[in-house]
Amino acid sequence: MSSNAETLANVILEIERIIGEYLEPTSAHDAKTAIELILLEMDRNDAIAAAERVRAGYTGPKLVK
């Protein structure tokens, strides 16, 4: 399982790729398709939950002695 930071980094890089493809002059994608792909990527990687955990200050399981 990847950490919150890894999850968010992967999603951001995938969003960058999608937008880059959309901006290519020969792109067959329209804006709606690009947005749908971005939302699918965020859902697939549970990015919203990871972002909420980061914002809440969750750092992972704590070792209890």
C-alpha atoms as a PDB file:
ATOM      1  CA  MET A   1       0.000   0.000   0.000  1.00  0.00           C
ATOM      2  CA  SER A   2       1.354   3.403  -0.879  1.00  0.00           C
ATOM      3  CA  SER A   3       1.506   6.343   1.463  1.00  0.00           C
ATOM      4  CA  ASN A   4      -0.728   9.385   1.165  1.00  0.00           C
ATOM      5  CA  ALA A   5       2.124  11.375  -0.361  1.00  0.00           C
ATOM      6  CA  GLU A   6       2.856   8.663  -2.928  1.00  0.00           C
ATOM      7  CA  THR A   7      -0.823   8.416  -3.823  1.00  0.00           C
ATOM      8  CA  LEU A   8      -1.137  12.157  -4.322  1.00  0.00           C
ATOM      9  CA  ALA A   9       2.133  12.364  -6.266  1.00  0.00           C
ATOM     10  CA  ASN A  10       1.005   9.600  -8.634  1.00  0.00           C
ATOM     11  CA  VAL A  11      -2.357  11.246  -9.224  1.00  0.00           C
ATOM     12  CA  ILE A  12      -0.794  14.661  -9.853  1.00  0.00           C
ATOM     13  CA  LEU A  13       1.619  13.171 -12.384  1.00  0.00           C
ATOM     14  CA  GLU A  14      -1.227  11.348 -14.135  1.00  0.00           C
ATOM     15  CA  ILE A  15      -3.290  14.543 -14.246  1.00  0.00           C
ATOM     16  CA  GLU A  16      -0.287  16.324 -15.752  1.00  0.00           C
ATOM     17  CA  ARG A  17      -0.091  13.628 -18.439  1.00  0.00           C
ATOM     18  CA  ILE A  18      -3.801  13.872 -19.235  1.00  0.00           C
ATOM     19  CA  ILE A  19      -3.698  17.666 -19.493  1.00  0.00           C
ATOM     20  CA  GLY A  20      -0.522  17.499 -21.591  1.00  0.00           C
ATOM     21  CA  GLU A  21      -2.220  15.149 -24.035  1.00  0.00           C
ATOM     22  CA  TYR A  22      -5.290  17.392 -24.123  1.00  0.00           C
ATOM     23  CA  LEU A  23      -3.150  20.428 -24.984  1.00  0.00           C
ATOM     24  CA  GLU A  24      -1.366  18.695 -27.868  1.00  0.00           C
ATOM     25  CA  PRO A  25      -2.366  20.308 -31.190  1.00  0.00           C
ATOM     26  CA  THR A  26      -3.364  16.925 -32.623  1.00  0.00           C
ATOM     27  CA  SER A  27      -5.327  15.842 -29.539  1.00  0.00           C
ATOM     28  CA  ALA A  28      -8.566  13.999 -30.197  1.00  0.00           C
ATOM     29  CA  HIS A  29      -9.754  14.696 -26.630  1.00  0.00           C
ATOM     30  CA  ASP A  30     -12.251  17.393 -25.825  1.00  0.00           C
ATOM     31  CA  ALA A  31     -12.372  19.229 -22.495  1.00  0.00           C
ATOM     32  CA  LYS A  32     -15.175  17.024 -21.134  1.00  0.00           C
ATOM     33  CA  THR A  33     -13.195  13.854 -21.860  1.00  0.00           C
ATOM     34  CA  ALA A  34     -10.068  15.285 -20.206  1.00  0.00           C
ATOM     35  CA  ILE A  35     -12.036  16.235 -17.085  1.00  0.00           C
ATOM     36  CA  GLU A  36     -13.678  12.795 -16.954  1.00  0.00           C
ATOM     37  CA  LEU A  37     -10.262  11.117 -17.216  1.00  0.00           C
ATOM     38  CA  ILE A  38      -8.916  13.294 -14.397  1.00  0.00           C
ATOM     39  CA  LEU A  39     -11.880  12.478 -12.152  1.00  0.00           C
ATOM     40  CA  LEU A  40     -11.526   8.760 -12.921  1.00  0.00           C
ATOM     41  CA  GLU A  41      -7.843   8.900 -11.993  1.00  0.00           C
ATOM     42  CA  MET A  42      -8.640  10.630  -8.718  1.00  0.00           C
ATOM     43  CA  ASP A  43     -11.325   8.035  -7.910  1.00  0.00           C
ATOM     44  CA  ARG A  44      -9.172   5.072  -8.943  1.00  0.00           C
ATOM     45  CA  ASN A  45      -6.371   6.052  -6.570  1.00  0.00           C
ATOM     46  CA  ASP A  46      -8.634   7.276  -3.755  1.00  0.00           C
ATOM     47  CA  ALA A  47      -6.854  10.621  -3.988  1.00  0.00           C
ATOM     48  CA  ILE A  48      -9.602  12.574  -2.245  1.00  0.00           C
ATOM     49  CA  ALA A  49      -9.371  10.373   0.855  1.00  0.00           C
ATOM     50  CA  ALA A  50      -5.574  10.671   0.823  1.00  0.00           C
ATOM     51  CA  ALA A  51      -5.794  14.466   0.521  1.00  0.00           C
ATOM     52  CA  GLU A  52      -8.277  14.596   3.396  1.00  0.00           C
ATOM     53  CA  ARG A  53      -5.937  12.502   5.563  1.00  0.00           C
ATOM     54  CA  VAL A  54      -2.999  14.791   4.725  1.00  0.00           C
ATOM     55  CA  ARG A  55      -5.027  17.899   5.510  1.00  0.00           C
ATOM     56  CA  ALA A  56      -6.176  16.375   8.807  1.00  0.00           C
ATOM     57  CA  GLY A  57      -2.559  15.701   9.777  1.00  0.00           C
ATOM     58  CA  TYR A  58      -2.762  11.896   9.583  1.00  0.00           C
ATOM     59  CA  THR A  59       0.767  10.509   9.388  1.00  0.00           C
ATOM     60  CA  GLY A  60      -0.001   6.802   9.564  1.00  0.00           C
ATOM     61  CA  PRO A  61      -0.271   4.178  12.274  1.00  0.00           C
ATOM     62  CA  LYS A  62       1.397   4.973  15.591  1.00  0.00           C
ATOM     63  CA  LEU A  63       3.563   2.519  17.481  1.00  0.00           C
ATOM     64  CA  VAL A  64       2.080   1.952  20.927  1.00  0.00           C
ATOM     65  CA  LYS A  65       4.174   0.334  23.635  1.00  0.00           C
END
